[in-house]
Amino acid sequence: MIKSLIASSAVSMAAALASPALAGPYVNVENNAGFIGSDFAGSVTDAHVGYEGSEGVYGYYLQGGPAYVQPDGESGEVELSGKIGGTVQATEQFGAYGEISFITGDDEASYATKVGVKYNF
């Protein structure tokens, strides 16, 4: 149960990327809740410190920190999570993005990837 919650949360916690305008550090606190049908399965709250920047058409970020994993009806635990990602703005209307994220667990770490393209009309 916890592994599937962590894996699904790792995937769902990855937000759509946008190329950052300025380089610099940031703090990102994010909560992601999971549901199976209409039943609440639990949540993961990340408290990350990160750095983002851009160079021409390329954007990037790296962030990490503690993650509080709270399965429904069970006691919560603190794990470590993080993500690294980037964007390429190929044209004014078309771009691509990618992200790799992880979260530690009792037995082993879980990893997730995300890749995509975005077209603006």
Protein backbone atom coordinates (compact mmCIF):
# COMPACT_ATOMS: atom_id res chain seq x y z
CA MET A 1 0.00 0.00 0.00
CA ILE A 2 2.68 2.48 1.04
CA LYS A 3 4.89 1.67 -1.97
CA SER A 4 2.02 2.21 -4.39
CA LEU A 5 1.09 5.45 -2.63
CA ILE A 6 4.69 6.64 -2.77
CA ALA A 7 5.04 5.68 -6.43
CA SER A 8 1.76 7.32 -7.44
CA SER A 9 2.57 10.40 -5.36
CA ALA A 10 6.02 10.66 -6.91
CA VAL A 11 4.45 10.67 -10.34
CA SER A 12 1.62 13.04 -9.41
CA MET A 13 3.84 15.45 -7.48
CA ALA A 14 5.73 16.36 -10.64
CA ALA A 15 4.15 19.60 -11.85
CA ALA A 16 4.13 20.80 -15.45
CA LEU A 17 7.34 22.65 -16.19
CA ALA A 18 7.72 26.17 -17.44
CA SER A 19 11.01 27.71 -18.44
CA PRO A 20 12.17 29.96 -15.59
CA ALA A 21 12.99 33.57 -16.43
CA LEU A 22 15.62 34.12 -13.71
CA ALA A 23 18.12 31.85 -11.99
CA GLY A 24 17.98 31.47 -8.26
CA PRO A 25 17.06 29.53 -5.16
CA TYR A 26 13.48 28.86 -4.08
CA VAL A 27 11.35 26.97 -1.54
CA ASN A 28 8.54 24.68 -2.73
CA VAL A 29 6.04 23.18 -0.25
CA GLU A 30 3.59 20.84 -1.99
CA ASN A 31 0.95 18.35 -0.86
CA ASN A 32 -0.23 15.53 -3.10
CA ALA A 33 -3.18 13.36 -2.09
CA GLY A 34 -4.06 9.99 -3.59
CA PHE A 35 -7.45 8.37 -4.06
CA ILE A 36 -8.56 4.90 -5.11
CA GLY A 37 -12.00 5.49 -6.58
CA SER A 38 -13.57 7.86 -4.07
CA ASP A 39 -11.57 6.48 -1.10
CA PHE A 40 -8.71 8.59 0.25
CA ALA A 41 -5.45 6.58 0.21
CA GLY A 42 -3.10 9.09 1.81
CA SER A 43 -0.87 12.04 1.04
CA VAL A 44 2.73 13.15 0.69
CA THR A 45 3.84 16.65 1.69
CA ASP A 46 7.20 17.82 0.32
CA ALA A 47 9.22 20.68 1.78
CA HIS A 48 11.88 21.26 -0.87
CA VAL A 49 14.65 23.77 -1.34
CA GLY A 50 15.72 24.18 -4.94
CA TYR A 51 17.55 26.11 -7.59
CA GLU A 52 16.31 27.00 -11.06
CA GLY A 53 17.69 28.83 -14.02
CA SER A 54 17.71 29.20 -17.77
CA GLU A 55 20.16 29.74 -20.57
CA GLY A 56 18.65 30.74 -23.89
CA VAL A 57 16.00 28.18 -24.83
CA TYR A 58 16.99 25.79 -21.99
CA GLY A 59 15.49 25.82 -18.50
CA TYR A 60 16.44 23.63 -15.54
CA TYR A 61 15.75 23.01 -11.86
CA LEU A 62 16.93 20.82 -9.00
CA GLN A 63 15.12 20.50 -5.66
CA GLY A 64 14.99 18.22 -2.65
CA GLY A 65 14.20 17.87 1.03
CA PRO A 66 12.00 16.04 3.50
CA ALA A 67 8.70 14.45 2.51
CA TYR A 68 6.04 13.55 5.08
CA VAL A 69 4.23 10.40 3.93
CA GLN A 70 0.80 9.94 5.55
CA PRO A 71 -1.13 6.82 4.44
CA ASP A 72 -4.82 6.87 5.37
CA GLY A 73 -5.37 5.32 8.80
CA GLU A 74 -1.68 4.67 9.46
CA SER A 75 1.06 6.61 11.20
CA GLY A 76 3.08 8.92 9.01
CA GLU A 77 6.80 8.92 8.41
CA VAL A 78 9.41 11.33 7.08
CA GLU A 79 11.33 10.32 3.96
CA LEU A 80 13.68 12.17 1.60
CA SER A 81 12.51 13.24 -1.85
CA GLY A 82 13.76 15.29 -4.75
CA LYS A 83 13.50 16.00 -8.44
CA ILE A 84 15.54 17.36 -11.31
CA GLY A 85 14.07 18.61 -14.54
CA GLY A 86 14.50 20.71 -17.60
CA THR A 87 12.79 22.31 -20.56
CA VAL A 88 13.68 23.11 -24.14
CA GLN A 89 11.66 25.78 -25.95
CA ALA A 90 12.20 24.61 -29.56
CA THR A 91 10.03 27.34 -31.09
CA GLU A 92 7.86 30.13 -29.71
CA GLN A 93 4.90 27.72 -29.69
CA PHE A 94 6.50 24.31 -29.12
CA GLY A 95 8.53 23.02 -26.18
CA ALA A 96 9.57 19.80 -24.49
CA TYR A 97 10.14 18.97 -20.82
CA GLY A 98 11.40 16.15 -18.66
CA GLU A 99 11.72 15.30 -14.98
CA ILE A 100 13.18 12.57 -12.77
CA SER A 101 11.94 12.33 -9.17
CA PHE A 102 12.58 10.03 -6.22
CA ILE A 103 11.42 9.33 -2.69
CA THR A 104 13.05 7.04 -0.15
CA GLY A 105 11.13 4.26 1.57
CA ASP A 106 11.50 1.60 4.26
CA ASP A 107 12.70 -1.06 1.84
CA GLU A 108 14.00 0.88 -1.14
CA ALA A 109 13.66 4.16 -3.00
CA SER A 110 10.94 4.79 -5.60
CA TYR A 111 11.67 6.67 -8.81
CA ALA A 112 9.46 8.31 -11.41
CA THR A 113 10.00 10.01 -14.74
CA LYS A 114 7.95 12.45 -16.72
CA VAL A 115 8.46 13.61 -20.30
CA GLY A 116 6.20 15.62 -22.51
CA VAL A 117 5.72 18.25 -25.14
CA LYS A 118 3.62 21.37 -25.05
CA TYR A 119 2.16 23.30 -27.97
CA ASN A 120 0.71 26.79 -27.42
CA PHE A 121 -1.93 28.04 -29.87
